[in-house]
């Protein structure tokens, strides 16, 4: 599990390998966000209340990501399973 502290800023790609996780609360990740082929059993990946500068793309995740009623703000296109988040 990787955690980004409040106020952290990452410019570029963040890769989470199979079996890993990412928690970013109050952090900034600048660039494309892609969630691909995660299999989290009965618990969906949560993508909620984020500001995404660039595209947000999700594909092949089981189950599909959710936003728990907290929409994301995306400046680029939101596509695939994340189109409605």
PDB file of N, CA and C in Angstrom:
ATOM      1  N   UNK A   1       0.846  -1.171   0.000  1.00  0.00           N
ATOM      2  CA  UNK A   1       0.000   0.000   0.000  1.00  0.00           C
ATOM      3  C   UNK A   1       0.889   1.231   0.000  1.00  0.00           C
ATOM      4  N   UNK A   2       0.585   2.150  -0.915  1.00  0.00           N
ATOM      5  CA  UNK A   2       1.286   3.428  -0.976  1.00  0.00           C
ATOM      6  C   UNK A   2       0.325   4.515  -0.537  1.00  0.00           C
ATOM      7  N   UNK A   3       0.781   5.401   0.332  1.00  0.00           N
ATOM      8  CA  UNK A   3      -0.057   6.505   0.810  1.00  0.00           C
ATOM      9  C   UNK A   3       0.623   7.825   0.456  1.00  0.00           C
ATOM     10  N   UNK A   4      -0.159   8.753  -0.082  1.00  0.00           N
ATOM     11  CA  UNK A   4       0.321  10.107  -0.331  1.00  0.00           C
ATOM     12  C   UNK A   4      -0.320  11.017   0.706  1.00  0.00           C
ATOM     13  N   UNK A   5       0.490  11.724   1.439  1.00  0.00           N
ATOM     14  CA  UNK A   5       0.000  12.595   2.511  1.00  0.00           C
ATOM     15  C   UNK A   5      -0.677  13.827   1.944  1.00  0.00           C
ATOM     16  N   UNK A   6      -1.510  14.436   2.743  1.00  0.00           N
ATOM     17  CA  UNK A   6      -2.154  15.694   2.359  1.00  0.00           C
ATOM     18  C   UNK A   6      -1.077  16.701   1.983  1.00  0.00           C
ATOM     19  N   UNK A   7      -1.267  17.355   0.851  1.00  0.00           N
ATOM     20  CA  UNK A   7      -0.316  18.336   0.370  1.00  0.00           C
ATOM     21  C   UNK A   7       0.762  17.772  -0.545  1.00  0.00           C
ATOM     22  N   UNK A   8       0.865  16.434  -0.630  1.00  0.00           N
ATOM     23  CA  UNK A   8       1.855  15.831  -1.537  1.00  0.00           C
ATOM     24  C   UNK A   8       1.479  16.148  -2.972  1.00  0.00           C
ATOM     25  N   UNK A   9       2.496  16.302  -3.832  1.00  0.00           N
ATOM     26  CA  UNK A   9       2.257  16.602  -5.248  1.00  0.00           C
ATOM     27  C   UNK A   9       3.158  15.693  -6.078  1.00  0.00           C
ATOM     28  N   UNK A  10       2.546  14.944  -6.974  1.00  0.00           N
ATOM     29  CA  UNK A  10       3.275  14.063  -7.879  1.00  0.00           C
ATOM     30  C   UNK A  10       2.983  14.526  -9.299  1.00  0.00           C
ATOM     31  N   UNK A  11       4.030  14.799 -10.058  1.00  0.00           N
ATOM     32  CA  UNK A  11       3.869  15.175 -11.456  1.00  0.00           C
ATOM     33  C   UNK A  11       4.348  13.992 -12.276  1.00  0.00           C
ATOM     34  N   UNK A  12       3.409  13.310 -12.907  1.00  0.00           N
ATOM     35  CA  UNK A  12       3.754  12.145 -13.702  1.00  0.00           C
ATOM     36  C   UNK A  12       2.962  10.926 -13.271  1.00  0.00           C
ATOM     37  N   UNK A  13       3.352   9.825 -13.803  1.00  0.00           N
ATOM     38  CA  UNK A  13       2.616   8.574 -13.640  1.00  0.00           C
ATOM     39  C   UNK A  13       2.829   7.956 -12.262  1.00  0.00           C
ATOM     40  N   UNK A  14       1.762   7.411 -11.704  1.00  0.00           N
ATOM     41  CA  UNK A  14       1.825   6.598 -10.496  1.00  0.00           C
ATOM     42  C   UNK A  14       1.342   5.212 -10.893  1.00  0.00           C
ATOM     43  N   UNK A  15       2.170   4.207 -10.659  1.00  0.00           N
ATOM     44  CA  UNK A  15       1.810   2.842 -11.020  1.00  0.00           C
ATOM     45  C   UNK A  15       1.611   2.029  -9.756  1.00  0.00           C
ATOM     46  N   UNK A  16       0.468   1.359  -9.684  1.00  0.00           N
ATOM     47  CA  UNK A  16       0.185   0.455  -8.576  1.00  0.00           C
ATOM     48  C   UNK A  16       0.199  -0.953  -9.142  1.00  0.00           C
ATOM     49  N   UNK A  17       1.105  -1.760  -8.679  1.00  0.00           N
ATOM     50  CA  UNK A  17       1.269  -3.122  -9.173  1.00  0.00           C
ATOM     51  C   UNK A  17       0.185  -4.033  -8.603  1.00  0.00           C
ATOM     52  N   UNK A  18      -0.043  -5.181  -9.253  1.00  0.00           N
ATOM     53  CA  UNK A  18      -1.038  -6.135  -8.755  1.00  0.00           C
ATOM     54  C   UNK A  18      -0.799  -6.457  -7.275  1.00  0.00           C
ATOM     55  N   UNK A  19      -1.889  -6.441  -6.524  1.00  0.00           N
ATOM     56  CA  UNK A  19      -1.813  -6.709  -5.094  1.00  0.00           C
ATOM     57  C   UNK A  19      -1.540  -5.479  -4.253  1.00  0.00           C
ATOM     58  N   UNK A  20      -1.220  -4.347  -4.904  1.00  0.00           N
ATOM     59  CA  UNK A  20      -0.913  -3.115  -4.192  1.00  0.00           C
ATOM     60  C   UNK A  20      -2.125  -2.215  -4.102  1.00  0.00           C
ATOM     61  N   UNK A  21      -1.949  -1.058  -3.516  1.00  0.00           N
ATOM     62  CA  UNK A  21      -3.029  -0.087  -3.398  1.00  0.00           C
ATOM     63  C   UNK A  21      -2.462   1.311  -3.282  1.00  0.00           C
ATOM     64  N   UNK A  22      -3.321   2.289  -3.484  1.00  0.00           N
ATOM     65  CA  UNK A  22      -2.933   3.691  -3.390  1.00  0.00           C
ATOM     66  C   UNK A  22      -4.008   4.445  -2.635  1.00  0.00           C
ATOM     67  N   UNK A  23      -3.582   5.191  -1.634  1.00  0.00           N
ATOM     68  CA  UNK A  23      -4.473   6.109  -0.927  1.00  0.00           C
ATOM     69  C   UNK A  23      -3.869   7.495  -1.080  1.00  0.00           C
ATOM     70  N   UNK A  24      -4.646   8.409  -1.659  1.00  0.00           N
ATOM     71  CA  UNK A  24      -4.191   9.782  -1.851  1.00  0.00           C
ATOM     72  C   UNK A  24      -5.294  10.700  -1.335  1.00  0.00           C
ATOM     73  N   UNK A  25      -5.118  11.192  -0.125  1.00  0.00           N
ATOM     74  CA  UNK A  25      -6.111  12.056   0.500  1.00  0.00           C
ATOM     75  C   UNK A  25      -5.531  13.454   0.626  1.00  0.00           C
ATOM     76  N   UNK A  26      -6.126  14.394  -0.102  1.00  0.00           N
ATOM     77  CA  UNK A  26      -5.616  15.759  -0.071  1.00  0.00           C
ATOM     78  C   UNK A  26      -4.301  15.908  -0.809  1.00  0.00           C
ATOM     79  N   UNK A  27      -3.980  14.940  -1.673  1.00  0.00           N
ATOM     80  CA  UNK A  27      -2.757  14.985  -2.469  1.00  0.00           C
ATOM     81  C   UNK A  27      -3.098  15.381  -3.900  1.00  0.00           C
ATOM     82  N   UNK A  28      -2.085  15.739  -4.665  1.00  0.00           N
ATOM     83  CA  UNK A  28      -2.273  16.121  -6.061  1.00  0.00           C
ATOM     84  C   UNK A  28      -1.425  15.215  -6.939  1.00  0.00           C
ATOM     85  N   UNK A  29      -2.067  14.603  -7.932  1.00  0.00           N
ATOM     86  CA  UNK A  29      -1.356  13.835  -8.945  1.00  0.00           C
ATOM     87  C   UNK A  29      -1.696  14.490 -10.279  1.00  0.00           C
ATOM     88  N   UNK A  30      -0.686  15.057 -10.959  1.00  0.00           N
ATOM     89  CA  UNK A  30      -0.911  15.770 -12.204  1.00  0.00           C
ATOM     90  C   UNK A  30      -0.575  14.828 -13.367  1.00  0.00           C
ATOM     91  N   UNK A  31      -1.531  14.684 -14.271  1.00  0.00           N
ATOM     92  CA  UNK A  31      -1.324  13.841 -15.442  1.00  0.00           C
ATOM     93  C   UNK A  31      -2.465  12.887 -15.596  1.00  0.00           C
ATOM     94  N   UNK A  32      -2.382  11.972 -16.573  1.00  0.00           N
ATOM     95  CA  UNK A  32      -3.466  11.017 -16.804  1.00  0.00           C
ATOM     96  C   UNK A  32      -3.630  10.057 -15.626  1.00  0.00           C
ATOM     97  N   UNK A  33      -4.867   9.696 -15.370  1.00  0.00           N
ATOM     98  CA  UNK A  33      -5.175   8.677 -14.359  1.00  0.00           C
ATOM     99  C   UNK A  33      -5.807   7.505 -15.089  1.00  0.00           C
ATOM    100  N   UNK A  34      -5.209   6.328 -14.937  1.00  0.00           N
ATOM    101  CA  UNK A  34      -5.725   5.116 -15.581  1.00  0.00           C
ATOM    102  C   UNK A  34      -5.836   4.009 -14.553  1.00  0.00           C
ATOM    103  N   UNK A  35      -6.990   3.392 -14.487  1.00  0.00           N
ATOM    104  CA  UNK A  35      -7.210   2.214 -13.649  1.00  0.00           C
ATOM    105  C   UNK A  35      -7.506   1.065 -14.597  1.00  0.00           C
ATOM    106  N   UNK A  36      -6.627   0.075 -14.634  1.00  0.00           N
ATOM    107  CA  UNK A  36      -6.737  -0.983 -15.626  1.00  0.00           C
ATOM    108  C   UNK A  36      -6.604  -2.355 -14.974  1.00  0.00           C
ATOM    109  N   UNK A  37      -7.590  -3.208 -15.244  1.00  0.00           N
ATOM    110  CA  UNK A  37      -7.543  -4.631 -14.891  1.00  0.00           C
ATOM    111  C   UNK A  37      -7.344  -4.929 -13.410  1.00  0.00           C
ATOM    112  N   UNK A  38      -7.904  -4.121 -12.527  1.00  0.00           N
ATOM    113  CA  UNK A  38      -7.841  -4.475 -11.109  1.00  0.00           C
ATOM    114  C   UNK A  38      -8.949  -5.483 -10.817  1.00  0.00           C
ATOM    115  N   UNK A  39      -8.658  -6.431  -9.947  1.00  0.00           N
ATOM    116  CA  UNK A  39      -9.652  -7.426  -9.524  1.00  0.00           C
ATOM    117  C   UNK A  39      -9.633  -7.422  -8.008  1.00  0.00           C
ATOM    118  N   UNK A  40     -10.615  -6.743  -7.433  1.00  0.00           N
ATOM    119  CA  UNK A  40     -10.615  -6.528  -5.986  1.00  0.00           C
ATOM    120  C   UNK A  40     -11.677  -7.352  -5.268  1.00  0.00           C
ATOM    121  N   UNK A  41     -12.117  -8.429  -5.910  1.00  0.00           N
ATOM    122  CA  UNK A  41     -13.116  -9.279  -5.268  1.00  0.00           C
ATOM    123  C   UNK A  41     -14.426  -8.554  -5.126  1.00  0.00           C
ATOM    124  N   UNK A  42     -15.073  -8.678  -3.963  1.00  0.00           N
ATOM    125  CA  UNK A  42     -16.387  -8.060  -3.804  1.00  0.00           C
ATOM    126  C   UNK A  42     -16.359  -6.546  -3.533  1.00  0.00           C
ATOM    127  N   UNK A  43     -15.178  -5.989  -3.283  1.00  0.00           N
ATOM    128  CA  UNK A  43     -15.069  -4.574  -2.916  1.00  0.00           C
ATOM    129  C   UNK A  43     -14.534  -3.775  -4.093  1.00  0.00           C
ATOM    130  N   UNK A  44     -15.313  -2.808  -4.556  1.00  0.00           N
ATOM    131  CA  UNK A  44     -14.906  -1.982  -5.703  1.00  0.00           C
ATOM    132  C   UNK A  44     -13.849  -0.958  -5.309  1.00  0.00           C
ATOM    133  N   UNK A  45     -13.006  -0.601  -6.271  1.00  0.00           N
ATOM    134  CA  UNK A  45     -12.063   0.504  -6.103  1.00  0.00           C
ATOM    135  C   UNK A  45     -12.877   1.790  -5.987  1.00  0.00           C
ATOM    136  N   UNK A  46     -12.495   2.672  -5.072  1.00  0.00           N
ATOM    137  CA  UNK A  46     -13.200   3.935  -4.885  1.00  0.00           C
ATOM    138  C   UNK A  46     -12.388   5.060  -5.523  1.00  0.00           C
ATOM    139  N   UNK A  47     -13.014   5.774  -6.437  1.00  0.00           N
ATOM    140  CA  UNK A  47     -12.435   6.965  -7.067  1.00  0.00           C
ATOM    141  C   UNK A  47     -13.445   8.072  -6.789  1.00  0.00           C
ATOM    142  N   UNK A  48     -13.216   8.855  -5.735  1.00  0.00           N
ATOM    143  CA  UNK A  48     -14.253   9.764  -5.259  1.00  0.00           C
ATOM    144  C   UNK A  48     -13.682  11.099  -4.812  1.00  0.00           C
ATOM    145  N   UNK A  49     -14.371  12.174  -5.196  1.00  0.00           N
ATOM    146  CA  UNK A  49     -14.045  13.510  -4.722  1.00  0.00           C
ATOM    147  C   UNK A  49     -12.679  14.025  -5.144  1.00  0.00           C
ATOM    148  N   UNK A  50     -12.190  13.556  -6.278  1.00  0.00           N
ATOM    149  CA  UNK A  50     -10.873  13.972  -6.754  1.00  0.00           C
ATOM    150  C   UNK A  50     -10.975  15.087  -7.780  1.00  0.00           C
ATOM    151  N   UNK A  51      -9.889  15.835  -7.930  1.00  0.00           N
ATOM    152  CA  UNK A  51      -9.733  16.770  -9.030  1.00  0.00           C
ATOM    153  C   UNK A  51      -8.664  16.160  -9.925  1.00  0.00           C
ATOM    154  N   UNK A  52      -9.057  15.741 -11.119  1.00  0.00           N
ATOM    155  CA  UNK A  52      -8.141  15.108 -12.062  1.00  0.00           C
ATOM    156  C   UNK A  52      -7.830  16.119 -13.158  1.00  0.00           C
ATOM    157  N   UNK A  53      -6.554  16.503 -13.242  1.00  0.00           N
ATOM    158  CA  UNK A  53      -6.109  17.417 -14.291  1.00  0.00           C
ATOM    159  C   UNK A  53      -5.620  16.560 -15.448  1.00  0.00           C
ATOM    160  N   UNK A  54      -6.482  16.360 -16.416  1.00  0.00           N
ATOM    161  CA  UNK A  54      -6.179  15.474 -17.528  1.00  0.00           C
ATOM    162  C   UNK A  54      -7.242  14.393 -17.617  1.00  0.00           C
ATOM    163  N   UNK A  55      -6.965  13.330 -18.372  1.00  0.00           N
ATOM    164  CA  UNK A  55      -7.968  12.286 -18.581  1.00  0.00           C
ATOM    165  C   UNK A  55      -8.056  11.300 -17.421  1.00  0.00           C
ATOM    166  N   UNK A  56      -9.239  10.706 -17.286  1.00  0.00           N
ATOM    167  CA  UNK A  56      -9.503   9.637 -16.322  1.00  0.00           C
ATOM    168  C   UNK A  56     -10.077   8.469 -17.115  1.00  0.00           C
ATOM    169  N   UNK A  57      -9.336   7.365 -17.165  1.00  0.00           N
ATOM    170  CA  UNK A  57      -9.752   6.214 -17.965  1.00  0.00           C
ATOM    171  C   UNK A  57      -9.732   4.951 -17.119  1.00  0.00           C
ATOM    172  N   UNK A  58     -10.792   4.161 -17.209  1.00  0.00           N
ATOM    173  CA  UNK A  58     -10.889   2.916 -16.457  1.00  0.00           C
ATOM    174  C   UNK A  58     -11.394   1.816 -17.378  1.00  0.00           C
ATOM    175  N   UNK A  59     -10.723   0.668 -17.343  1.00  0.00           N
ATOM    176  CA  UNK A  59     -11.135  -0.447 -18.179  1.00  0.00           C
ATOM    177  C   UNK A  59     -10.719  -1.770 -17.554  1.00  0.00           C
ATOM    178  N   UNK A  60     -11.576  -2.767 -17.700  1.00  0.00           N
ATOM    179  CA  UNK A  60     -11.255  -4.122 -17.276  1.00  0.00           C
ATOM    180  C   UNK A  60     -11.210  -4.353 -15.784  1.00  0.00           C
ATOM    181  N   UNK A  61     -11.737  -3.436 -14.986  1.00  0.00           N
ATOM    182  CA  UNK A  61     -11.716  -3.581 -13.527  1.00  0.00           C
ATOM    183  C   UNK A  61     -12.912  -4.409 -13.068  1.00  0.00           C
ATOM    184  N   UNK A  62     -12.671  -5.317 -12.117  1.00  0.00           N
ATOM    185  CA  UNK A  62     -13.732  -6.165 -11.585  1.00  0.00           C
ATOM    186  C   UNK A  62     -13.745  -6.054 -10.079  1.00  0.00           C
ATOM    187  N   UNK A  63     -14.811  -5.514  -9.482  1.00  0.00           N
ATOM    188  CA  UNK A  63     -15.939  -4.809 -10.101  1.00  0.00           C
ATOM    189  C   UNK A  63     -15.514  -3.421 -10.586  1.00  0.00           C
ATOM    190  N   UNK A  64     -16.405  -2.774 -11.303  1.00  0.00           N
ATOM    191  CA  UNK A  64     -16.127  -1.429 -11.820  1.00  0.00           C
ATOM    192  C   UNK A  64     -15.942  -0.449 -10.660  1.00  0.00           C
ATOM    193  N   UNK A  65     -15.079   0.553 -10.816  1.00  0.00           N
ATOM    194  CA  UNK A  65     -14.888   1.564  -9.771  1.00  0.00           C
ATOM    195  C   UNK A  65     -16.182   2.315  -9.456  1.00  0.00           C
ATOM    196  N   UNK A  66     -16.260   2.834  -8.235  1.00  0.00           N
ATOM    197  CA  UNK A  66     -17.414   3.606  -7.775  1.00  0.00           C
ATOM    198  C   UNK A  66     -16.938   4.929  -7.188  1.00  0.00           C
ATOM    199  N   UNK A  67     -17.874   5.885  -7.057  1.00  0.00           N
ATOM    200  CA  UNK A  67     -17.498   7.158  -6.431  1.00  0.00           C
ATOM    201  C   UNK A  67     -18.242   7.409  -5.125  1.00  0.00           C
ATOM    202  N   UNK A  68     -19.023   6.459  -4.665  1.00  0.00           N
ATOM    203  CA  UNK A  68     -19.740   6.561  -3.389  1.00  0.00           C
ATOM    204  C   UNK A  68     -20.514   7.865  -3.244  1.00  0.00           C
ATOM    205  N   UNK A  69     -21.050   8.363  -4.372  1.00  0.00           N
ATOM    206  CA  UNK A  69     -21.851   9.577  -4.337  1.00  0.00           C
ATOM    207  C   UNK A  69     -21.048  10.863  -4.251  1.00  0.00           C
ATOM    208  N   UNK A  70     -19.730  10.769  -4.377  1.00  0.00           N
ATOM    209  CA  UNK A  70     -18.863  11.956  -4.344  1.00  0.00           C
ATOM    210  C   UNK A  70     -18.190  12.087  -5.699  1.00  0.00           C
ATOM    211  N   UNK A  71     -18.784  12.865  -6.621  1.00  0.00           N
ATOM    212  CA  UNK A  71     -18.257  12.959  -7.981  1.00  0.00           C
ATOM    213  C   UNK A  71     -16.852  13.550  -8.034  1.00  0.00           C
ATOM    214  N   UNK A  72     -16.151  13.180  -9.082  1.00  0.00           N
ATOM    215  CA  UNK A  72     -14.819  13.703  -9.360  1.00  0.00           C
ATOM    216  C   UNK A  72     -14.929  14.869 -10.332  1.00  0.00           C
ATOM    217  N   UNK A  73     -13.979  15.773 -10.294  1.00  0.00           N
ATOM    218  CA  UNK A  73     -13.877  16.855 -11.263  1.00  0.00           C
ATOM    219  C   UNK A  73     -12.737  16.496 -12.209  1.00  0.00           C
ATOM    220  N   UNK A  74     -13.054  16.318 -13.488  1.00  0.00           N
ATOM    221  CA  UNK A  74     -12.068  15.868 -14.468  1.00  0.00           C
ATOM    222  C   UNK A  74     -11.982  16.894 -15.597  1.00  0.00           C
ATOM    223  N   UNK A  75     -10.775  17.430 -15.848  1.00  0.00           N
ATOM    224  CA  UNK A  75     -10.633  18.430 -16.903  1.00  0.00           C
ATOM    225  C   UNK A  75     -10.494  17.801 -18.283  1.00  0.00           C
ATOM    226  N   UNK A  76     -10.058  16.566 -18.356  1.00  0.00           N
ATOM    227  CA  UNK A  76      -9.947  15.854 -19.625  1.00  0.00           C
ATOM    228  C   UNK A  76     -11.135  14.925 -19.792  1.00  0.00           C
ATOM    229  N   UNK A  77     -11.075  14.052 -20.782  1.00  0.00           N
ATOM    230  CA  UNK A  77     -12.178  13.105 -20.955  1.00  0.00           C
ATOM    231  C   UNK A  77     -12.170  12.033 -19.866  1.00  0.00           C
ATOM    232  N   UNK A  78     -13.348  11.652 -19.421  1.00  0.00           N
ATOM    233  CA  UNK A  78     -13.528  10.506 -18.517  1.00  0.00           C
ATOM    234  C   UNK A  78     -14.127   9.390 -19.359  1.00  0.00           C
ATOM    235  N   UNK A  79     -13.434   8.268 -19.445  1.00  0.00           N
ATOM    236  CA  UNK A  79     -13.854   7.221 -20.371  1.00  0.00           C
ATOM    237  C   UNK A  79     -13.959   5.855 -19.698  1.00  0.00           C
ATOM    238  N   UNK A  80     -14.597   4.930 -20.423  1.00  0.00           N
ATOM    239  CA  UNK A  80     -14.738   3.561 -19.951  1.00  0.00           C
ATOM    240  C   UNK A  80     -15.573   3.490 -18.681  1.00  0.00           C
ATOM    241  N   UNK A  81     -15.133   2.671 -17.754  1.00  0.00           N
ATOM    242  CA  UNK A  81     -15.867   2.480 -16.499  1.00  0.00           C
ATOM    243  C   UNK A  81     -15.899   3.740 -15.648  1.00  0.00           C
ATOM    244  N   UNK A  82     -15.046   4.689 -15.909  1.00  0.00           N
ATOM    245  CA  UNK A  82     -15.010   5.929 -15.129  1.00  0.00           C
ATOM    246  C   UNK A  82     -15.774   7.071 -15.784  1.00  0.00           C
ATOM    247  N   UNK A  83     -16.452   6.791 -16.888  1.00  0.00           N
ATOM    248  CA  UNK A  83     -17.141   7.853 -17.627  1.00  0.00           C
ATOM    249  C   UNK A  83     -18.167   8.590 -16.782  1.00  0.00           C
ATOM    250  N   UNK A  84     -18.789   7.913 -15.851  1.00  0.00           N
ATOM    251  CA  UNK A  84     -19.858   8.541 -15.044  1.00  0.00           C
ATOM    252  C   UNK A  84     -19.403   8.867 -13.614  1.00  0.00           C
ATOM    253  N   UNK A  85     -18.119   8.736 -13.324  1.00  0.00           N
ATOM    254  CA  UNK A  85     -17.669   8.994 -11.957  1.00  0.00           C
ATOM    255  C   UNK A  85     -17.369  10.460 -11.721  1.00  0.00           C
TER     256      UNK A  85
END
